[in-house]
Amino acid sequence: MGNYYYLTAQLPLLQFAQQREVPSREEFLEEARKWLTPRDFSVLEKVAPEETRLFPGEPGVLRQWKRMREHMRDEIGRWRRSKREGRAYREGFLPLGKITAQNPLAQEQALLKFQWEWIDERLSGHVFDLGFVILYFLQLQILLRLKSFTQEEGMKIFEKVCEVNHE
């Protein structure tokens, strides 16, 4: 627990859509490696927001995250199917506003906000433990994803997609 205390005490406070700089994924992992046991670090370095495969021996909080992500994907799929088939959609655990945003960027931001809030609800149950570090790392990665949504990056992706379509 002592090592977790020293690691978490030096982590910057994260806020959704904050503008100030945050550590990169690599910088965070480099610092975490100094404080975590090799076993805990091997769990942490594999944590990725988009990963939904469950592995034996994973911490409970990571299993909960992966189940929530799987439910979220299923719910988006159900909404898309109902829209395509002209049926009414019955909202589940994911608020309808999160998946019916005006444009793809706004939809992605709404879904990231939903995930951020899900993590926030669980952070208070973890103090100076691997669960806290995992949840913090997930939020850091969400924040880094948000920061990647720039006009320049969007144009690069758009041009790459257009390039592929012309070949």
N, C-alpha and C. Protein backbone atom coordinates (compact mmCIF):
# COMPACT_ATOMS: atom_id res chain seq x y z
N MET A 1 0.82 -1.20 0.00
CA MET A 1 0.00 0.00 0.00
C MET A 1 0.86 1.25 0.00
N GLY A 2 2.00 1.22 0.66
CA GLY A 2 2.88 2.38 0.73
C GLY A 2 3.31 2.86 -0.63
N ASN A 3 3.66 1.92 -1.51
CA ASN A 3 4.07 2.31 -2.86
C ASN A 3 2.93 2.96 -3.63
N TYR A 4 1.72 2.47 -3.42
CA TYR A 4 0.57 3.08 -4.09
C TYR A 4 0.35 4.50 -3.58
N TYR A 5 0.59 4.70 -2.31
CA TYR A 5 0.44 6.04 -1.74
C TYR A 5 1.38 7.02 -2.43
N TYR A 6 2.64 6.64 -2.57
CA TYR A 6 3.62 7.53 -3.20
C TYR A 6 3.30 7.77 -4.67
N LEU A 7 2.86 6.75 -5.36
CA LEU A 7 2.50 6.92 -6.77
C LEU A 7 1.29 7.83 -6.91
N THR A 8 0.21 7.54 -6.20
CA THR A 8 -1.02 8.32 -6.38
C THR A 8 -0.89 9.74 -5.85
N ALA A 9 -0.05 9.94 -4.85
CA ALA A 9 0.13 11.30 -4.30
C ALA A 9 0.76 12.24 -5.32
N GLN A 10 1.52 11.73 -6.24
CA GLN A 10 2.18 12.60 -7.21
C GLN A 10 1.42 12.74 -8.53
N LEU A 11 0.30 12.03 -8.67
CA LEU A 11 -0.46 12.11 -9.92
C LEU A 11 -1.25 13.41 -9.99
N PRO A 12 -1.25 14.06 -11.16
CA PRO A 12 -2.04 15.29 -11.30
C PRO A 12 -3.54 14.97 -11.32
N LEU A 13 -4.33 15.89 -10.82
CA LEU A 13 -5.78 15.75 -10.85
C LEU A 13 -6.24 15.81 -12.30
N LEU A 14 -7.11 14.90 -12.67
CA LEU A 14 -7.63 14.88 -14.03
C LEU A 14 -9.08 15.36 -14.02
N GLN A 15 -9.42 16.18 -14.99
CA GLN A 15 -10.80 16.63 -15.16
C GLN A 15 -11.17 16.43 -16.62
N PHE A 16 -12.41 16.01 -16.84
CA PHE A 16 -12.85 15.74 -18.20
C PHE A 16 -12.69 16.98 -19.07
N ALA A 17 -12.10 16.79 -20.25
CA ALA A 17 -11.90 17.85 -21.25
C ALA A 17 -11.01 18.98 -20.76
N GLN A 18 -10.15 18.71 -19.79
CA GLN A 18 -9.24 19.76 -19.31
C GLN A 18 -8.27 20.15 -20.41
N GLN A 19 -7.79 21.37 -20.33
CA GLN A 19 -6.90 21.89 -21.37
C GLN A 19 -5.42 21.78 -20.99
N ARG A 20 -5.12 21.72 -19.70
CA ARG A 20 -3.71 21.69 -19.31
C ARG A 20 -3.09 20.33 -19.65
N GLU A 21 -1.79 20.33 -19.77
CA GLU A 21 -1.05 19.13 -20.17
C GLU A 21 -1.17 18.02 -19.13
N VAL A 22 -1.16 16.82 -19.62
CA VAL A 22 -1.19 15.63 -18.77
C VAL A 22 -0.08 14.71 -19.26
N PRO A 23 0.33 13.77 -18.42
CA PRO A 23 1.37 12.84 -18.87
C PRO A 23 0.86 11.98 -20.02
N SER A 24 1.77 11.60 -20.89
CA SER A 24 1.41 10.67 -21.97
C SER A 24 1.23 9.28 -21.36
N ARG A 25 0.69 8.38 -22.14
CA ARG A 25 0.53 6.99 -21.69
C ARG A 25 1.88 6.43 -21.28
N GLU A 26 2.89 6.66 -22.09
CA GLU A 26 4.24 6.14 -21.84
C GLU A 26 4.85 6.75 -20.58
N GLU A 27 4.67 8.06 -20.39
CA GLU A 27 5.20 8.73 -19.20
C GLU A 27 4.55 8.18 -17.93
N PHE A 28 3.24 7.97 -18.00
CA PHE A 28 2.54 7.42 -16.84
C PHE A 28 3.06 6.03 -16.51
N LEU A 29 3.19 5.18 -17.52
CA LEU A 29 3.66 3.82 -17.30
C LEU A 29 5.10 3.81 -16.78
N GLU A 30 5.92 4.70 -17.27
CA GLU A 30 7.31 4.80 -16.80
C GLU A 30 7.35 5.11 -15.30
N GLU A 31 6.51 6.03 -14.86
CA GLU A 31 6.46 6.37 -13.44
C GLU A 31 5.86 5.24 -12.62
N ALA A 32 4.80 4.63 -13.13
CA ALA A 32 4.14 3.54 -12.40
C ALA A 32 5.09 2.35 -12.22
N ARG A 33 5.91 2.09 -13.20
CA ARG A 33 6.85 0.97 -13.12
C ARG A 33 7.76 1.09 -11.90
N LYS A 34 8.09 2.32 -11.51
CA LYS A 34 8.97 2.56 -10.35
C LYS A 34 8.33 2.12 -9.04
N TRP A 35 7.00 2.17 -8.98
CA TRP A 35 6.30 1.99 -7.71
C TRP A 35 5.53 0.68 -7.58
N LEU A 36 5.18 0.08 -8.68
CA LEU A 36 4.35 -1.13 -8.63
C LEU A 36 5.20 -2.39 -8.64
N THR A 37 4.62 -3.45 -8.12
CA THR A 37 5.29 -4.75 -8.20
C THR A 37 5.29 -5.17 -9.67
N PRO A 38 6.21 -6.02 -10.06
CA PRO A 38 6.20 -6.48 -11.46
C PRO A 38 4.86 -7.10 -11.87
N ARG A 39 4.24 -7.83 -10.97
CA ARG A 39 2.94 -8.46 -11.28
C ARG A 39 1.87 -7.40 -11.52
N ASP A 40 1.77 -6.41 -10.63
CA ASP A 40 0.77 -5.35 -10.79
C ASP A 40 1.05 -4.52 -12.04
N PHE A 41 2.33 -4.26 -12.29
CA PHE A 41 2.67 -3.48 -13.47
C PHE A 41 2.29 -4.22 -14.75
N SER A 42 2.47 -5.54 -14.77
CA SER A 42 2.12 -6.31 -15.97
C SER A 42 0.61 -6.23 -16.24
N VAL A 43 -0.19 -6.10 -15.18
CA VAL A 43 -1.64 -5.90 -15.36
C VAL A 43 -1.89 -4.50 -15.90
N LEU A 44 -1.26 -3.50 -15.29
CA LEU A 44 -1.50 -2.11 -15.66
C LEU A 44 -1.12 -1.80 -17.10
N GLU A 45 0.02 -2.29 -17.54
CA GLU A 45 0.49 -1.92 -18.88
C GLU A 45 -0.42 -2.46 -19.99
N LYS A 46 -1.28 -3.41 -19.67
CA LYS A 46 -2.21 -3.95 -20.67
C LYS A 46 -3.56 -3.24 -20.66
N VAL A 47 -3.77 -2.32 -19.72
CA VAL A 47 -5.05 -1.63 -19.59
C VAL A 47 -5.23 -0.67 -20.76
N ALA A 48 -6.31 -0.88 -21.50
CA ALA A 48 -6.67 -0.01 -22.62
C ALA A 48 -8.18 0.15 -22.62
N PRO A 49 -8.67 1.38 -22.75
CA PRO A 49 -10.12 1.61 -22.68
C PRO A 49 -10.94 0.77 -23.64
N GLU A 50 -10.40 0.49 -24.81
CA GLU A 50 -11.18 -0.24 -25.82
C GLU A 50 -11.14 -1.75 -25.65
N GLU A 51 -10.28 -2.27 -24.81
CA GLU A 51 -10.13 -3.72 -24.64
C GLU A 51 -11.32 -4.28 -23.85
N THR A 52 -11.96 -5.32 -24.40
CA THR A 52 -13.10 -5.92 -23.70
C THR A 52 -12.89 -7.40 -23.39
N ARG A 53 -11.80 -7.99 -23.88
CA ARG A 53 -11.55 -9.41 -23.57
C ARG A 53 -11.21 -9.56 -22.09
N LEU A 54 -11.81 -10.56 -21.46
CA LEU A 54 -11.55 -10.84 -20.05
C LEU A 54 -10.42 -11.87 -19.96
N PHE A 55 -9.52 -11.64 -19.00
CA PHE A 55 -8.41 -12.55 -18.78
C PHE A 55 -8.45 -13.06 -17.35
N PRO A 56 -8.04 -14.30 -17.13
CA PRO A 56 -8.04 -14.85 -15.77
C PRO A 56 -7.15 -14.02 -14.84
N GLY A 57 -7.64 -13.84 -13.61
CA GLY A 57 -6.85 -13.15 -12.60
C GLY A 57 -6.86 -11.64 -12.67
N GLU A 58 -7.65 -11.06 -13.56
CA GLU A 58 -7.70 -9.59 -13.63
C GLU A 58 -8.39 -9.03 -12.40
N PRO A 59 -7.99 -7.83 -11.96
CA PRO A 59 -8.67 -7.19 -10.84
C PRO A 59 -10.15 -6.96 -11.16
N GLY A 60 -10.99 -7.01 -10.14
CA GLY A 60 -12.43 -6.84 -10.31
C GLY A 60 -12.82 -5.57 -11.02
N VAL A 61 -12.15 -4.47 -10.71
CA VAL A 61 -12.51 -3.19 -11.31
C VAL A 61 -12.27 -3.22 -12.82
N LEU A 62 -11.24 -3.92 -13.26
CA LEU A 62 -10.97 -4.02 -14.68
C LEU A 62 -12.00 -4.92 -15.36
N ARG A 63 -12.43 -5.96 -14.70
CA ARG A 63 -13.48 -6.83 -15.24
C ARG A 63 -14.80 -6.05 -15.35
N GLN A 64 -15.10 -5.23 -14.34
CA GLN A 64 -16.32 -4.41 -14.39
C GLN A 64 -16.26 -3.44 -15.57
N TRP A 65 -15.10 -2.81 -15.76
CA TRP A 65 -14.92 -1.88 -16.86
C TRP A 65 -15.19 -2.56 -18.20
N LYS A 66 -14.60 -3.74 -18.37
CA LYS A 66 -14.75 -4.45 -19.64
C LYS A 66 -16.19 -4.88 -19.88
N ARG A 67 -16.88 -5.28 -18.81
CA ARG A 67 -18.30 -5.63 -18.96
C ARG A 67 -19.12 -4.41 -19.35
N MET A 68 -18.83 -3.28 -18.70
CA MET A 68 -19.55 -2.04 -19.03
C MET A 68 -19.32 -1.66 -20.48
N ARG A 69 -18.08 -1.75 -20.97
CA ARG A 69 -17.77 -1.42 -22.36
C ARG A 69 -18.50 -2.36 -23.33
N GLU A 70 -18.58 -3.63 -22.96
CA GLU A 70 -19.28 -4.60 -23.79
C GLU A 70 -20.78 -4.27 -23.84
N HIS A 71 -21.36 -3.93 -22.68
CA HIS A 71 -22.78 -3.53 -22.64
C HIS A 71 -23.00 -2.27 -23.47
N MET A 72 -22.07 -1.34 -23.39
CA MET A 72 -22.18 -0.10 -24.13
C MET A 72 -22.18 -0.38 -25.64
N ARG A 73 -21.26 -1.23 -26.09
CA ARG A 73 -21.21 -1.58 -27.51
C ARG A 73 -22.48 -2.29 -27.94
N ASP A 74 -22.98 -3.21 -27.10
CA ASP A 74 -24.22 -3.91 -27.43
C ASP A 74 -25.38 -2.94 -27.55
N GLU A 75 -25.43 -2.00 -26.64
CA GLU A 75 -26.52 -1.02 -26.65
C GLU A 75 -26.47 -0.14 -27.90
N ILE A 76 -25.30 0.29 -28.29
CA ILE A 76 -25.15 1.09 -29.52
C ILE A 76 -25.59 0.26 -30.72
N GLY A 77 -25.22 -1.00 -30.73
CA GLY A 77 -25.64 -1.90 -31.81
C GLY A 77 -27.15 -2.05 -31.87
N ARG A 78 -27.78 -2.20 -30.71
CA ARG A 78 -29.25 -2.32 -30.67
C ARG A 78 -29.91 -1.05 -31.20
N TRP A 79 -29.38 0.12 -30.81
CA TRP A 79 -29.92 1.40 -31.27
C TRP A 79 -29.79 1.50 -32.79
N ARG A 80 -28.62 1.13 -33.33
CA ARG A 80 -28.41 1.20 -34.77
C ARG A 80 -29.33 0.25 -35.52
N ARG A 81 -29.51 -0.96 -34.98
CA ARG A 81 -30.42 -1.93 -35.61
C ARG A 81 -31.85 -1.41 -35.62
N SER A 82 -32.29 -0.87 -34.49
CA SER A 82 -33.67 -0.38 -34.43
C SER A 82 -33.87 0.79 -35.40
N LYS A 83 -32.87 1.63 -35.53
CA LYS A 83 -32.95 2.77 -36.45
C LYS A 83 -33.01 2.27 -37.90
N ARG A 84 -32.15 1.30 -38.21
CA ARG A 84 -32.09 0.74 -39.57
C ARG A 84 -33.39 0.03 -39.93
N GLU A 85 -34.00 -0.64 -38.94
CA GLU A 85 -35.22 -1.41 -39.19
C GLU A 85 -36.49 -0.58 -38.98
N GLY A 86 -36.33 0.68 -38.60
CA GLY A 86 -37.49 1.56 -38.41
C GLY A 86 -38.31 1.24 -37.18
N ARG A 87 -37.68 0.59 -36.20
CA ARG A 87 -38.38 0.24 -34.96
C ARG A 87 -38.05 1.27 -33.87
N ALA A 88 -38.90 1.31 -32.88
CA ALA A 88 -38.64 2.18 -31.73
C ALA A 88 -37.51 1.58 -30.90
N TYR A 89 -36.71 2.44 -30.37
CA TYR A 89 -35.59 1.99 -29.53
C TYR A 89 -35.95 2.20 -28.07
N ARG A 90 -35.75 1.17 -27.27
CA ARG A 90 -36.00 1.28 -25.84
C ARG A 90 -34.67 1.44 -25.13
N GLU A 91 -34.52 2.58 -24.50
CA GLU A 91 -33.26 2.93 -23.84
C GLU A 91 -32.91 1.94 -22.73
N GLY A 92 -31.62 1.60 -22.66
CA GLY A 92 -31.11 0.72 -21.61
C GLY A 92 -30.30 1.53 -20.61
N PHE A 93 -29.14 1.01 -20.22
CA PHE A 93 -28.33 1.70 -19.22
C PHE A 93 -27.60 2.91 -19.81
N LEU A 94 -27.46 2.96 -21.11
CA LEU A 94 -26.78 4.07 -21.77
C LEU A 94 -27.82 5.11 -22.18
N PRO A 95 -27.76 6.33 -21.64
CA PRO A 95 -28.74 7.36 -21.99
C PRO A 95 -28.77 7.61 -23.50
N LEU A 96 -29.95 7.71 -24.05
CA LEU A 96 -30.16 7.86 -25.49
C LEU A 96 -29.38 9.05 -26.05
N GLY A 97 -29.29 10.13 -25.30
CA GLY A 97 -28.57 11.32 -25.75
C GLY A 97 -27.10 11.06 -26.03
N LYS A 98 -26.54 10.03 -25.43
CA LYS A 98 -25.12 9.72 -25.64
C LYS A 98 -24.87 9.09 -27.00
N ILE A 99 -25.91 8.49 -27.58
CA ILE A 99 -25.70 7.82 -28.86
C ILE A 99 -26.43 8.49 -30.02
N THR A 100 -27.16 9.55 -29.74
CA THR A 100 -27.89 10.23 -30.81
C THR A 100 -27.42 11.66 -30.99
N ALA A 101 -26.16 11.91 -30.68
CA ALA A 101 -25.60 13.26 -30.80
C ALA A 101 -25.65 13.72 -32.26
N GLN A 102 -25.48 15.03 -32.45
CA GLN A 102 -25.65 15.65 -33.77
C GLN A 102 -24.65 15.17 -34.82
N ASN A 103 -23.43 14.87 -34.40
CA ASN A 103 -22.41 14.46 -35.36
C ASN A 103 -21.50 13.42 -34.69
N PRO A 104 -20.70 12.73 -35.48
CA PRO A 104 -19.85 11.68 -34.91
C PRO A 104 -18.91 12.16 -33.80
N LEU A 105 -18.35 13.36 -33.95
CA LEU A 105 -17.45 13.88 -32.91
C LEU A 105 -18.21 14.12 -31.61
N ALA A 106 -19.37 14.75 -31.69
CA ALA A 106 -20.18 15.01 -30.50
C ALA A 106 -20.62 13.69 -29.86
N GLN A 107 -20.93 12.70 -30.68
CA GLN A 107 -21.33 11.38 -30.16
C GLN A 107 -20.15 10.74 -29.42
N GLU A 108 -18.97 10.77 -30.02
CA GLU A 108 -17.79 10.19 -29.38
C GLU A 108 -17.48 10.90 -28.06
N GLN A 109 -17.58 12.22 -28.05
CA GLN A 109 -17.33 12.98 -26.83
C GLN A 109 -18.35 12.63 -25.75
N ALA A 110 -19.61 12.46 -26.13
CA ALA A 110 -20.66 12.10 -25.18
C ALA A 110 -20.40 10.71 -24.60
N LEU A 111 -19.97 9.78 -25.44
CA LEU A 111 -19.67 8.43 -24.96
C LEU A 111 -18.46 8.42 -24.03
N LEU A 112 -17.46 9.23 -24.35
CA LEU A 112 -16.28 9.34 -23.48
C LEU A 112 -16.66 9.96 -22.13
N LYS A 113 -17.56 10.93 -22.16
CA LYS A 113 -18.03 11.55 -20.92
C LYS A 113 -18.78 10.52 -20.07
N PHE A 114 -19.61 9.70 -20.71
CA PHE A 114 -20.33 8.64 -20.00
C PHE A 114 -19.34 7.70 -19.32
N GLN A 115 -18.28 7.29 -20.03
CA GLN A 115 -17.28 6.39 -19.47
C GLN A 115 -16.52 7.06 -18.32
N TRP A 116 -16.20 8.33 -18.50
CA TRP A 116 -15.51 9.10 -17.45
C TRP A 116 -16.33 9.11 -16.17
N GLU A 117 -17.62 9.38 -16.32
CA GLU A 117 -18.51 9.43 -15.15
C GLU A 117 -18.64 8.05 -14.51
N TRP A 118 -18.66 7.00 -15.31
CA TRP A 118 -18.70 5.63 -14.77
C TRP A 118 -17.48 5.41 -13.89
N ILE A 119 -16.31 5.82 -14.37
CA ILE A 119 -15.08 5.66 -13.59
C ILE A 119 -15.15 6.50 -12.32
N ASP A 120 -15.59 7.75 -12.44
CA ASP A 120 -15.70 8.63 -11.27
C ASP A 120 -16.52 7.99 -10.15
N GLU A 121 -17.60 7.32 -10.53
CA GLU A 121 -18.47 6.67 -9.53
C GLU A 121 -17.74 5.57 -8.78
N ARG A 122 -16.73 4.98 -9.37
CA ARG A 122 -16.01 3.87 -8.74
C ARG A 122 -14.72 4.28 -8.05
N LEU A 123 -14.20 5.44 -8.37
CA LEU A 123 -12.93 5.88 -7.79
C LEU A 123 -12.96 5.99 -6.27
N SER A 124 -14.08 6.44 -5.72
CA SER A 124 -14.15 6.63 -4.27
C SER A 124 -14.01 5.32 -3.51
N GLY A 125 -14.28 4.20 -4.15
CA GLY A 125 -14.14 2.91 -3.49
C GLY A 125 -12.73 2.37 -3.53
N HIS A 126 -11.83 3.11 -4.15
CA HIS A 126 -10.44 2.66 -4.27
C HIS A 126 -9.50 3.76 -3.81
N VAL A 127 -8.73 3.47 -2.80
CA VAL A 127 -7.76 4.43 -2.30
C VAL A 127 -6.42 3.71 -2.16
N PHE A 128 -5.41 4.22 -2.83
CA PHE A 128 -4.05 3.69 -2.72
C PHE A 128 -3.99 2.19 -3.00
N ASP A 129 -4.65 1.76 -4.08
CA ASP A 129 -4.58 0.36 -4.47
C ASP A 129 -4.50 0.26 -5.99
N LEU A 130 -4.34 -0.95 -6.48
CA LEU A 130 -4.22 -1.16 -7.92
C LEU A 130 -5.50 -0.72 -8.63
N GLY A 131 -6.65 -0.92 -8.01
CA GLY A 131 -7.91 -0.49 -8.61
C GLY A 131 -7.91 1.00 -8.91
N PHE A 132 -7.42 1.80 -7.97
CA PHE A 132 -7.35 3.25 -8.18
C PHE A 132 -6.43 3.57 -9.36
N VAL A 133 -5.27 2.94 -9.40
CA VAL A 133 -4.30 3.21 -10.46
C VAL A 133 -4.89 2.81 -11.82
N ILE A 134 -5.59 1.71 -11.89
CA ILE A 134 -6.23 1.28 -13.14
C ILE A 134 -7.28 2.29 -13.58
N LEU A 135 -8.14 2.70 -12.65
CA LEU A 135 -9.19 3.67 -12.99
C LEU A 135 -8.59 5.00 -13.43
N TYR A 136 -7.56 5.44 -12.73
CA TYR A 136 -6.87 6.69 -13.10
C TYR A 136 -6.29 6.56 -14.51
N PHE A 137 -5.66 5.43 -14.78
CA PHE A 137 -5.04 5.20 -16.09
C PHE A 137 -6.09 5.19 -17.19
N LEU A 138 -7.25 4.62 -16.93
CA LEU A 138 -8.34 4.65 -17.91
C LEU A 138 -8.77 6.09 -18.17
N GLN A 139 -8.93 6.88 -17.11
CA GLN A 139 -9.31 8.27 -17.31
C GLN A 139 -8.24 9.05 -18.06
N LEU A 140 -6.99 8.78 -17.76
CA LEU A 140 -5.90 9.45 -18.48
C LEU A 140 -5.99 9.13 -19.97
N GLN A 141 -6.24 7.89 -20.30
CA GLN A 141 -6.33 7.51 -21.71
C GLN A 141 -7.56 8.11 -22.39
N ILE A 142 -8.65 8.25 -21.66
CA ILE A 142 -9.84 8.93 -22.20
C ILE A 142 -9.49 10.39 -22.49
N LEU A 143 -8.81 11.02 -21.55
CA LEU A 143 -8.43 12.42 -21.72
C LEU A 143 -7.47 12.59 -22.91
N LEU A 144 -6.53 11.68 -23.05
CA LEU A 144 -5.60 11.75 -24.19
C LEU A 144 -6.36 11.56 -25.51
N ARG A 145 -7.36 10.71 -25.50
CA ARG A 145 -8.18 10.53 -26.72
C ARG A 145 -8.92 11.82 -27.05
N LEU A 146 -9.51 12.43 -26.03
CA LEU A 146 -10.20 13.71 -26.24
C LEU A 146 -9.26 14.75 -26.83
N LYS A 147 -8.05 14.80 -26.31
CA LYS A 147 -7.08 15.79 -26.78
C LYS A 147 -6.63 15.50 -28.21
N SER A 148 -6.82 14.28 -28.68
CA SER A 148 -6.42 13.94 -30.05
C SER A 148 -7.43 14.44 -31.09
N PHE A 149 -8.58 14.89 -30.65
CA PHE A 149 -9.60 15.37 -31.57
C PHE A 149 -9.30 16.83 -31.94
N THR A 150 -8.38 16.99 -32.86
CA THR A 150 -8.05 18.33 -33.34
C THR A 150 -8.39 18.42 -34.81
N GLN A 151 -8.51 19.62 -35.30
CA GLN A 151 -8.83 19.82 -36.71
C GLN A 151 -7.73 19.24 -37.59
N GLU A 152 -6.47 19.41 -37.16
CA GLU A 152 -5.35 18.90 -37.96
C GLU A 152 -5.40 17.38 -38.06
N GLU A 153 -5.62 16.72 -36.92
CA GLU A 153 -5.70 15.25 -36.93
C GLU A 153 -6.91 14.78 -37.74
N GLY A 154 -8.01 15.49 -37.61
CA GLY A 154 -9.21 15.14 -38.37
C GLY A 154 -8.96 15.23 -39.88
N MET A 155 -8.25 16.27 -40.31
CA MET A 155 -7.94 16.43 -41.73
C MET A 155 -7.02 15.31 -42.22
N LYS A 156 -6.05 14.90 -41.39
CA LYS A 156 -5.15 13.81 -41.77
C LYS A 156 -5.95 12.53 -42.01
N ILE A 157 -6.85 12.24 -41.10
CA ILE A 157 -7.67 11.03 -41.22
C ILE A 157 -8.59 11.13 -42.45
N PHE A 158 -9.21 12.29 -42.62
CA PHE A 158 -10.09 12.51 -43.77
C PHE A 158 -9.33 12.30 -45.08
N GLU A 159 -8.15 12.90 -45.17
CA GLU A 159 -7.34 12.77 -46.39
C GLU A 159 -6.91 11.33 -46.63
N LYS A 160 -6.59 10.62 -45.55
CA LYS A 160 -6.18 9.23 -45.68
C LYS A 160 -7.35 8.39 -46.18
N VAL A 161 -8.54 8.62 -45.64
CA VAL A 161 -9.73 7.88 -46.07
C VAL A 161 -10.04 8.20 -47.54
N CYS A 162 -9.95 9.45 -47.91
CA CYS A 162 -10.22 9.84 -49.30
C CYS A 162 -9.20 9.23 -50.24
N GLU A 163 -7.95 9.16 -49.80
CA GLU A 163 -6.88 8.57 -50.59
C GLU A 163 -7.17 7.11 -50.88
N VAL A 164 -7.60 6.37 -49.88
CA VAL A 164 -7.91 4.95 -50.03
C VAL A 164 -9.07 4.76 -50.99
N ASN A 165 -10.06 5.63 -50.91
CA ASN A 165 -11.24 5.49 -51.76
C ASN A 165 -10.95 5.78 -53.23
N HIS A 166 -9.88 6.53 -53.51
CA HIS A 166 -9.55 6.87 -54.89
C HIS A 166 -8.67 5.82 -55.57
N GLU A 167 -8.13 4.91 -54.81
CA GLU A 167 -7.23 3.89 -55.38
C GLU A 167 -7.97 2.77 -56.04
